[in-house]
C-alpha atoms as a PDB file:
ATOM      1  CA  MET A   1     135.829  97.217 102.538  1.00  0.00           C
ATOM      2  CA  ARG A   2     139.385  97.283 102.350  1.00  0.00           C
ATOM      3  CA  ARG A   3     141.158  98.799 105.201  1.00  0.00           C
ATOM      4  CA  GLY A   4     144.502  99.391 103.309  1.00  0.00           C
ATOM      5  CA  SER A   5     147.231  97.532 102.040  1.00  0.00           C
ATOM      6  CA  GLU A   6     151.300  97.589 102.240  1.00  0.00           C
ATOM      7  CA  SER A   7     152.440  99.651  99.741  1.00  0.00           C
ATOM      8  CA  SER A   8     156.142  98.401  98.318  1.00  0.00           C
ATOM      9  CA  HIS A   9     156.383  99.396  94.699  1.00  0.00           C
ATOM     10  CA  ARG A  10     152.890 100.110  94.394  1.00  0.00           C
ATOM     11  CA  LEU A  11     152.763 103.908  95.697  1.00  0.00           C
ATOM     12  CA  ALA A  12     149.885 106.667  94.686  1.00  0.00           C
ATOM     13  CA  SER A  13     151.619 108.850  93.048  1.00  0.00           C
ATOM     14  CA  LEU A  14     152.188 110.211  89.459  1.00  0.00           C
ATOM     15  CA  PRO A  15     154.962 108.903  87.568  1.00  0.00           C
ATOM     16  CA  ARG A  16     157.475 110.917  85.952  1.00  0.00           C
ATOM     17  CA  GLU A  17     159.164 109.225  83.086  1.00  0.00           C
ATOM     18  CA  GLU A  18     162.080 109.904  81.381  1.00  0.00           C
ATOM     19  CA  PRO A  19     162.999 108.926  78.760  1.00  0.00           C
ATOM     20  CA  ALA A  20     160.281 106.565  76.738  1.00  0.00           C
ATOM     21  CA  LEU A  21     161.132 104.055  74.148  1.00  0.00           C
ATOM     22  CA  ALA A  22     158.223 102.853  71.803  1.00  0.00           C
ATOM     23  CA  ALA A  23     159.062 100.694  69.180  1.00  0.00           C
ATOM     24  CA  ASN A  24     159.037  97.025  67.841  1.00  0.00           C
ATOM     25  CA  PHE A  25     162.356  95.055  68.247  1.00  0.00           C
ATOM     26  CA  HIS A  26     163.225  91.530  66.682  1.00  0.00           C
ATOM     27  CA  HIS A  27     167.049  90.820  67.527  1.00  0.00           C
ATOM     28  CA  PRO A  28     169.403  90.810  70.294  1.00  0.00           C
ATOM     29  CA  ALA A  29     172.166  93.173  70.199  1.00  0.00           C
ATOM     30  CA  GLY A  30     174.550  92.506  73.261  1.00  0.00           C
ATOM     31  CA  SER A  31     173.961  90.762  76.430  1.00  0.00           C
ATOM     32  CA  PRO A  32     173.134  92.556  79.739  1.00  0.00           C
ATOM     33  CA  GLU A  33     175.953  91.216  81.266  1.00  0.00           C
ATOM     34  CA  ASP A  34     177.831  94.121  79.413  1.00  0.00           C
ATOM     35  CA  TRP A  35     175.217  96.889  80.767  1.00  0.00           C
ATOM     36  CA  SER A  36     176.652  99.810  83.596  1.00  0.00           C
ATOM     37  CA  LEU A  37     174.844 102.731  84.713  1.00  0.00           C
ATOM     38  CA  THR A  38     177.340 106.091  85.068  1.00  0.00           C
ATOM     39  CA  PRO A  39     175.918 108.326  87.768  1.00  0.00           C
ATOM     40  CA  GLU A  40     174.654 110.824  85.413  1.00  0.00           C
ATOM     41  CA  PRO A  41     173.919 108.946  82.421  1.00  0.00           C
ATOM     42  CA  SER A  42     172.695 110.868  79.364  1.00  0.00           C
ATOM     43  CA  ARG A  43     169.187 110.757  77.619  1.00  0.00           C
ATOM     44  CA  GLU A  44     171.015 108.979  74.696  1.00  0.00           C
ATOM     45  CA  GLU A  45     172.707 106.536  76.640  1.00  0.00           C
ATOM     46  CA  LEU A  46     169.367 105.633  78.209  1.00  0.00           C
ATOM     47  CA  TRP A  47     167.757 105.040  75.002  1.00  0.00           C
ATOM     48  CA  ALA A  48     170.227 103.039  73.725  1.00  0.00           C
ATOM     49  CA  ARG A  49     170.428 100.581  76.878  1.00  0.00           C
ATOM     50  CA  ALA A  50     166.669 100.576  76.633  1.00  0.00           C
ATOM     51  CA  GLU A  51     167.134  99.719  72.753  1.00  0.00           C
ATOM     52  CA  THR A  52     169.638  96.987  73.705  1.00  0.00           C
ATOM     53  CA  LEU A  53     167.028  95.813  76.497  1.00  0.00           C
ATOM     54  CA  ALA A  54     164.370  95.442  74.408  1.00  0.00           C
ATOM     55  CA  TYR A  55     166.057  93.476  71.833  1.00  0.00           C
ATOM     56  CA  TYR A  56     166.905  90.747  74.363  1.00  0.00           C
ATOM     57  CA  LEU A  57     163.291  90.782  75.716  1.00  0.00           C
ATOM     58  CA  SER A  58     162.317  90.457  72.057  1.00  0.00           C
ATOM     59  CA  ALA A  59     164.506  87.823  70.960  1.00  0.00           C
ATOM     60  CA  ASN A  60     164.263  85.636  74.070  1.00  0.00           C
ATOM     61  CA  LEU A  61     160.277  85.901  73.819  1.00  0.00           C
ATOM     62  CA  ARG A  62     160.249  85.508  70.110  1.00  0.00           C
ATOM     63  CA  MET A  63     157.962  88.609  69.587  1.00  0.00           C
ATOM     64  CA  PRO A  64     157.738  92.281  69.085  1.00  0.00           C
ATOM     65  CA  VAL A  65     158.449  94.491  72.876  1.00  0.00           C
ATOM     66  CA  ARG A  66     157.312  97.939  73.463  1.00  0.00           C
ATOM     67  CA  LEU A  67     159.288  99.099  76.003  1.00  0.00           C
ATOM     68  CA  SER A  68     158.907 102.420  78.099  1.00  0.00           C
ATOM     69  CA  VAL A  69     161.351 103.262  80.695  1.00  0.00           C
ATOM     70  CA  THR A  70     160.321 105.366  83.799  1.00  0.00           C
ATOM     71  CA  ASP A  71     161.577 107.075  86.878  1.00  0.00           C
ATOM     72  CA  ASN A  72     158.442 106.463  88.558  1.00  0.00           C
ATOM     73  CA  ARG A  73     158.088 105.797  92.524  1.00  0.00           C
ATOM     74  CA  SER A  74     155.097 103.682  92.687  1.00  0.00           C
ATOM     75  CA  THR A  75     155.055 100.839  90.063  1.00  0.00           C
ATOM     76  CA  MET A  76     158.173  99.107  88.792  1.00  0.00           C
ATOM     77  CA  VAL A  77     157.205  96.921  86.412  1.00  0.00           C
ATOM     78  CA  SER A  78     154.170  96.993  84.592  1.00  0.00           C
ATOM     79  CA  PHE A  79     152.763  95.081  81.732  1.00  0.00           C
ATOM     80  CA  ARG A  80     150.134  94.407  78.742  1.00  0.00           C
ATOM     81  CA  ARG A  81     150.325  91.557  76.780  1.00  0.00           C
ATOM     82  CA  SER A  82     148.687  90.565  73.497  1.00  0.00           C
ATOM     83  CA  ALA A  83     148.745  87.802  70.758  1.00  0.00           C
ATOM     84  CA  ASN A  84     151.233  89.758  68.776  1.00  0.00           C
ATOM     85  CA  ALA A  85     153.408  91.999  70.738  1.00  0.00           C
ATOM     86  CA  LEU A  86     154.325  92.833  74.716  1.00  0.00           C
ATOM     87  CA  GLN A  87     154.012  96.370  75.995  1.00  0.00           C
ATOM     88  CA  LEU A  88     156.275  96.784  78.701  1.00  0.00           C
ATOM     89  CA  ARG A  89     156.674  99.480  81.547  1.00  0.00           C
ATOM     90  CA  LEU A  90     160.413  99.262  83.331  1.00  0.00           C
ATOM     91  CA  HIS A  91     161.628 101.356  86.011  1.00  0.00           C
ATOM     92  CA  HIS A  92     165.287 102.306  84.602  1.00  0.00           C
ATOM     93  CA  MET A  93     166.748 100.490  87.697  1.00  0.00           C
ATOM     94  CA  PHE A  94     166.331  97.534  85.017  1.00  0.00           C
ATOM     95  CA  LEU A  95     168.477  98.756  82.707  1.00  0.00           C
ATOM     96  CA  ASP A  96     171.367  97.468  84.337  1.00  0.00           C
ATOM     97  CA  ALA A  97     170.233  94.369  85.377  1.00  0.00           C
ATOM     98  CA  PRO A  98     172.141  91.069  85.658  1.00  0.00           C
ATOM     99  CA  GLU A  99     170.793  88.404  83.165  1.00  0.00           C
ATOM    100  CA  GLY A 100     168.871  86.218  85.809  1.00  0.00           C
ATOM    101  CA  VAL A 101     166.931  89.452  86.632  1.00  0.00           C
ATOM    102  CA  VAL A 102     166.394  90.384  82.937  1.00  0.00           C
ATOM    103  CA  ARG A 103     164.950  86.470  82.122  1.00  0.00           C
ATOM    104  CA  ALA A 104     162.887  87.004  85.350  1.00  0.00           C
ATOM    105  CA  VAL A 105     161.246  89.864  83.532  1.00  0.00           C
ATOM    106  CA  ALA A 106     160.455  88.142  80.373  1.00  0.00           C
ATOM    107  CA  ASP A 107     159.171  84.901  82.103  1.00  0.00           C
ATOM    108  CA  TYR A 108     156.687  87.233  84.539  1.00  0.00           C
ATOM    109  CA  ALA A 109     155.927  90.002  81.765  1.00  0.00           C
ATOM    110  CA  GLY A 110     156.065  87.876  78.404  1.00  0.00           C
ATOM    111  CA  ARG A 111     155.046  84.156  80.081  1.00  0.00           C
ATOM    112  CA  GLY A 112     152.801  84.815  82.933  1.00  0.00           C
ATOM    113  CA  ASN A 113     155.115  83.259  85.172  1.00  0.00           C
ATOM    114  CA  ARG A 114     154.133  84.392  88.628  1.00  0.00           C
ATOM    115  CA  ILE A 115     157.302  82.621  90.529  1.00  0.00           C
ATOM    116  CA  ALA A 116     159.540  85.159  88.757  1.00  0.00           C
ATOM    117  CA  GLY A 117     157.563  87.664  90.447  1.00  0.00           C
ATOM    118  CA  GLY A 118     159.680  86.806  93.580  1.00  0.00           C
ATOM    119  CA  VAL A 119     163.221  87.484  91.735  1.00  0.00           C
ATOM    120  CA  LEU A 120     162.025  90.704  90.523  1.00  0.00           C
ATOM    121  CA  ASP A 121     160.685  91.832  94.097  1.00  0.00           C
ATOM    122  CA  ASP A 122     164.472  90.643  95.420  1.00  0.00           C
ATOM    123  CA  TYR A 123     165.735  92.554  92.903  1.00  0.00           C
ATOM    124  CA  ILE A 124     163.745  96.017  93.567  1.00  0.00           C
ATOM    125  CA  ARG A 125     164.460  95.643  97.290  1.00  0.00           C
ATOM    126  CA  GLY A 126     168.243  95.614  96.694  1.00  0.00           C
ATOM    127  CA  GLN A 127     167.620  98.683  94.397  1.00  0.00           C
ATOM    128  CA  GLN A 128     165.781 100.888  96.991  1.00  0.00           C
ATOM    129  CA  PRO A 129     168.365 103.754  96.921  1.00  0.00           C
ATOM    130  CA  ARG A 130     167.201 104.262  93.434  1.00  0.00           C
ATOM    131  CA  ILE A 131     163.876 104.812  93.192  1.00  0.00           C
ATOM    132  CA  ARG A 132     162.862 108.726  93.688  1.00  0.00           C
ATOM    133  CA  GLN A 133     162.158 109.425  97.579  1.00  0.00           C
ATOM    134  CA  GLU A 134     161.420 113.156  97.441  1.00  0.00           C
ATOM    135  CA  ARG A 135     157.899 114.160  97.141  1.00  0.00           C
ATOM    136  CA  HIS A 136     155.419 117.224  96.211  1.00  0.00           C
ATOM    137  CA  ALA A 137     154.876 119.427  99.204  1.00  0.00           C
ATOM    138  CA  ALA A 138     151.301 117.992  99.532  1.00  0.00           C
ATOM    139  CA  GLU A 139     152.436 114.448  99.797  1.00  0.00           C
ATOM    140  CA  ALA A 140     154.903 115.148 102.212  1.00  0.00           C
ATOM    141  CA  ASP A 141     152.914 117.019 104.710  1.00  0.00           C
ATOM    142  CA  LEU A 142     151.404 114.920 106.857  1.00  0.00           C
ATOM    143  CA  GLU A 143     148.934 116.304 109.579  1.00  0.00           C
ATOM    144  CA  PRO A 144     147.869 113.856 112.477  1.00  0.00           C
ATOM    145  CA  ARG A 145     145.582 116.384 114.169  1.00  0.00           C
ATOM    146  CA  GLY A 146     142.232 116.340 113.101  1.00  0.00           C
ATOM    147  CA  ARG A 147     138.973 117.949 114.315  1.00  0.00           C
ATOM    148  CA  PHE A 148     137.943 115.036 116.964  1.00  0.00           C
ATOM    149  CA  PHE A 149     141.324 112.581 116.839  1.00  0.00           C
ATOM    150  CA  ASP A 150     144.827 113.436 116.820  1.00  0.00           C
ATOM    151  CA  LEU A 151     146.794 110.599 115.335  1.00  0.00           C
ATOM    152  CA  GLN A 152     150.042 110.863 117.000  1.00  0.00           C
ATOM    153  CA  VAL A 153     148.363 110.452 120.490  1.00  0.00           C
ATOM    154  CA  LEU A 154     146.720 107.016 119.483  1.00  0.00           C
ATOM    155  CA  PHE A 155     149.612 105.775 117.575  1.00  0.00           C
ATOM    156  CA  ASP A 156     152.289 106.415 120.083  1.00  0.00           C
ATOM    157  CA  ARG A 157     149.706 104.961 122.764  1.00  0.00           C
ATOM    158  CA  LEU A 158     149.064 101.991 120.520  1.00  0.00           C
ATOM    159  CA  ASN A 159     153.446 101.652 119.832  1.00  0.00           C
ATOM    160  CA  ARG A 160     154.232 101.414 123.626  1.00  0.00           C
ATOM    161  CA  THR A 161     151.162  99.277 124.676  1.00  0.00           C
ATOM    162  CA  CYS A 162     151.131  96.752 121.895  1.00  0.00           C
ATOM    163  CA  PHE A 163     154.990  97.127 119.816  1.00  0.00           C
ATOM    164  CA  GLN A 164     157.213  98.212 122.359  1.00  0.00           C
ATOM    165  CA  ASP A 165     157.744 101.369 120.688  1.00  0.00           C
ATOM    166  CA  ALA A 166     159.211  99.506 117.929  1.00  0.00           C
ATOM    167  CA  ILE A 167     157.273 100.427 114.983  1.00  0.00           C
ATOM    168  CA  GLN A 168     158.941 103.703 113.177  1.00  0.00           C
ATOM    169  CA  ALA A 169     156.687 105.448 111.168  1.00  0.00           C
ATOM    170  CA  ARG A 170     155.002 109.015 110.407  1.00  0.00           C
ATOM    171  CA  ILE A 171     150.754 109.141 110.469  1.00  0.00           C
ATOM    172  CA  GLY A 172     148.786 111.622 109.530  1.00  0.00           C
ATOM    173  CA  TRP A 173     145.276 112.326 107.762  1.00  0.00           C
ATOM    174  CA  GLY A 174     144.914 112.002 104.347  1.00  0.00           C
ATOM    175  CA  ARG A 175     143.195 114.185 101.580  1.00  0.00           C
ATOM    176  CA  MET A 176     139.536 113.976 101.509  1.00  0.00           C
ATOM    177  CA  PRO A 177     139.003 112.317  97.885  1.00  0.00           C
ATOM    178  CA  PRO A 178     135.950 113.841  95.932  1.00  0.00           C
ATOM    179  CA  ARG A 179     132.500 113.105  96.903  1.00  0.00           C
ATOM    180  CA  ARG A 180     130.711 110.223  94.712  1.00  0.00           C
ATOM    181  CA  ARG A 181     128.769 107.107  95.510  1.00  0.00           C
ATOM    182  CA  ARG A 182     130.995 104.409  96.048  1.00  0.00           C
ATOM    183  CA  LYS A 183     130.789 100.881  97.539  1.00  0.00           C
ATOM    184  CA  SER A 184     134.248 100.582  99.111  1.00  0.00           C
ATOM    185  CA  ILE A 185     136.705 102.604 100.831  1.00  0.00           C
ATOM    186  CA  ARG A 186     140.319 102.197 101.636  1.00  0.00           C
ATOM    187  CA  LEU A 187     140.383 103.287 105.644  1.00  0.00           C
ATOM    188  CA  GLY A 188     144.152 103.194 105.939  1.00  0.00           C
ATOM    189  CA  VAL A 189     147.423 102.757 104.114  1.00  0.00           C
ATOM    190  CA  TYR A 190     151.051 101.726 105.010  1.00  0.00           C
ATOM    191  CA  ASP A 191     153.802 103.455 102.441  1.00  0.00           C
ATOM    192  CA  HIS A 192     156.904 100.842 103.307  1.00  0.00           C
ATOM    193  CA  GLN A 193     159.162 103.001 101.345  1.00  0.00           C
ATOM    194  CA  THR A 194     158.467 106.304 103.311  1.00  0.00           C
ATOM    195  CA  ARG A 195     157.356 104.473 106.392  1.00  0.00           C
ATOM    196  CA  GLU A 196     154.345 106.965 106.349  1.00  0.00           C
ATOM    197  CA  ILE A 197     150.349 105.864 107.439  1.00  0.00           C
ATOM    198  CA  ARG A 198     147.518 107.459 105.942  1.00  0.00           C
ATOM    199  CA  ILE A 199     143.885 107.662 107.460  1.00  0.00           C
ATOM    200  CA  HIS A 200     141.191 108.201 105.624  1.00  0.00           C
ATOM    201  CA  PRO A 201     139.374 111.612 107.079  1.00  0.00           C
ATOM    202  CA  ALA A 202     135.971 109.880 106.777  1.00  0.00           C
ATOM    203  CA  LEU A 203     137.108 108.568 110.341  1.00  0.00           C
ATOM    204  CA  ASP A 204     137.508 112.284 111.715  1.00  0.00           C
ATOM    205  CA  ARG A 205     134.141 112.746 112.962  1.00  0.00           C
ATOM    206  CA  ALA A 206     131.917 112.554 116.067  1.00  0.00           C
ATOM    207  CA  GLU A 207     130.027 109.426 114.940  1.00  0.00           C
ATOM    208  CA  VAL A 208     133.116 107.281 114.777  1.00  0.00           C
ATOM    209  CA  PRO A 209     134.402 105.679 118.627  1.00  0.00           C
ATOM    210  CA  SER A 210     138.363 105.787 119.262  1.00  0.00           C
ATOM    211  CA  PHE A 211     139.159 102.507 119.310  1.00  0.00           C
ATOM    212  CA  PHE A 212     137.950 102.091 115.939  1.00  0.00           C
ATOM    213  CA  VAL A 213     140.154 104.386 114.522  1.00  0.00           C
ATOM    214  CA  GLU A 214     142.662 102.965 116.750  1.00  0.00           C
ATOM    215  CA  PHE A 215     142.230  99.610 114.961  1.00  0.00           C
ATOM    216  CA  ILE A 216     142.892 101.055 111.602  1.00  0.00           C
ATOM    217  CA  ILE A 217     145.781 102.665 112.987  1.00  0.00           C
ATOM    218  CA  PHE A 218     146.879  99.304 114.740  1.00  0.00           C
ATOM    219  CA  HIS A 219     146.409  96.999 111.083  1.00  0.00           C
ATOM    220  CA  GLU A 220     148.536  99.895 109.414  1.00  0.00           C
ATOM    221  CA  MET A 221     151.426  99.547 111.863  1.00  0.00           C
ATOM    222  CA  LEU A 222     151.133  95.596 111.268  1.00  0.00           C
ATOM    223  CA  HIS A 223     152.581  95.881 107.468  1.00  0.00           C
ATOM    224  CA  GLN A 224     155.911  97.101 109.187  1.00  0.00           C
ATOM    225  CA  LEU A 225     156.463  94.004 110.928  1.00  0.00           C
ATOM    226  CA  PHE A 226     154.653  92.011 108.455  1.00  0.00           C
ATOM    227  CA  PRO A 227     155.267  92.800 104.798  1.00  0.00           C
ATOM    228  CA  SER A 228     153.866  91.378 101.670  1.00  0.00           C
ATOM    229  CA  SER A 229     154.845  88.172 100.214  1.00  0.00           C
ATOM    230  CA  ASN A 230     155.027  85.957  97.254  1.00  0.00           C
ATOM    231  CA  ALA A 231     155.357  82.396  98.808  1.00  0.00           C
ATOM    232  CA  THR A 232     152.664  81.165  96.908  1.00  0.00           C
ATOM    233  CA  GLY A 233     153.735  82.891  93.396  1.00  0.00           C
ATOM    234  CA  ARG A 234     151.018  85.918  93.872  1.00  0.00           C
ATOM    235  CA  ARG A 235     151.252  88.748  96.278  1.00  0.00           C
ATOM    236  CA  VAL A 236     149.842  88.158  99.755  1.00  0.00           C
ATOM    237  CA  HIS A 237     149.080  91.476 101.562  1.00  0.00           C
ATOM    238  CA  HIS A 238     147.900  90.096 104.956  1.00  0.00           C
ATOM    239  CA  PRO A 239     150.064  86.717 105.400  1.00  0.00           C
ATOM    240  CA  ARG A 240     148.587  84.475 108.231  1.00  0.00           C
ATOM    241  CA  ALA A 241     150.943  85.876 110.615  1.00  0.00           C
ATOM    242  CA  PHE A 242     149.694  89.401 110.167  1.00  0.00           C
ATOM    243  CA  ARG A 243     145.803  88.345 110.812  1.00  0.00           C
ATOM    244  CA  GLU A 244     146.583  86.305 113.690  1.00  0.00           C
ATOM    245  CA  ARG A 245     148.743  89.164 114.871  1.00  0.00           C
ATOM    246  CA  GLU A 246     145.786  91.331 114.121  1.00  0.00           C
ATOM    247  CA  LYS A 247     143.644  89.563 116.691  1.00  0.00           C
ATOM    248  CA  ALA A 248     145.793  90.646 119.432  1.00  0.00           C
ATOM    249  CA  PHE A 249     143.987  94.053 119.226  1.00  0.00           C
ATOM    250  CA  PRO A 250     142.027  94.430 122.503  1.00  0.00           C
ATOM    251  CA  LEU A 251     138.684  95.368 120.818  1.00  0.00           C
ATOM    252  CA  TYR A 252     139.412  93.443 117.718  1.00  0.00           C
ATOM    253  CA  ALA A 253     135.633  91.529 117.670  1.00  0.00           C
ATOM    254  CA  ALA A 254     134.062  95.088 118.587  1.00  0.00           C
ATOM    255  CA  ALA A 255     135.771  96.706 115.749  1.00  0.00           C
ATOM    256  CA  LEU A 256     134.725  94.079 113.030  1.00  0.00           C
ATOM    257  CA  ARG A 257     131.199  94.681 114.502  1.00  0.00           C
ATOM    258  CA  TRP A 258     131.065  98.393 113.930  1.00  0.00           C
ATOM    259  CA  GLU A 259     132.873  98.251 110.728  1.00  0.00           C
ATOM    260  CA  ARG A 260     129.998  96.136 109.548  1.00  0.00           C
ATOM    261  CA  GLU A 261     127.140  97.766 111.182  1.00  0.00           C
ATOM    262  CA  ASN A 262     128.109 101.305 109.931  1.00  0.00           C
ATOM    263  CA  LEU A 263     129.349 100.817 106.536  1.00  0.00           C
ATOM    264  CA  ASN A 264     127.392 103.146 104.923  1.00  0.00           C
ATOM    265  CA  LEU A 265     128.107 105.880 107.133  1.00  0.00           C
ATOM    266  CA  LEU A 266     131.727 105.075 106.057  1.00  0.00           C
ATOM    267  CA  LEU A 267     131.017 105.331 102.623  1.00  0.00           C
ATOM    268  CA  ARG A 268     128.976 108.581 103.084  1.00  0.00           C
ATOM    269  CA  GLY A 269     132.330 109.993 104.214  1.00  0.00           C
END
């Protein structure tokens, strides 16, 4: 069972893509050091910069690159490699990235060098203002009051007693997903960009003890203190310090035991 994960540039939202480039390029045209963005670049200008970036990556990797430029809030870099080409999707922030970052894109997506992912993470963190923050009304609404539990009351108590009121986040119930048979359930999620905690509505029922709901909230609050890392070349959502602090929850053992014994109840939603 997954209790949730910190979301940095992998959020649950639909992308809005503009513009998109899907073509093969084989020769470089200019250096990334020469790129710059105006406050409101035209579609044509973005296309030209995307084309230059694709040329550069193609020359660096010595293979065709099919590049899509997005305005996604959730995924800044994604790719699919084959023996003959690289299909790459990048947030528009990379259109004027410094040469070292562009090389890291080539190493990470084209050569599978996971260590280069740390360079990309650092760059993305420095470009947060360029990631769309607005949300649809349905996403923005966070209702903490449920039928059986008021999440805000539980959050405030935990924040006061366990974190000295240091956690700054909004909390609310997530939307109930379509009913279907499932083998796992994400009971909570923390969004690092918006500082929002969402708790699965399957927990808002009389059979669920309050201490278990508090444990899930406590777990998500910890993500603000212990962000995921790439220390070993791969993303670790729950570093050792996170796990050690999680054990400080007053009813830690009881919460894990209740989760094991009531998995089927939660899966039924």
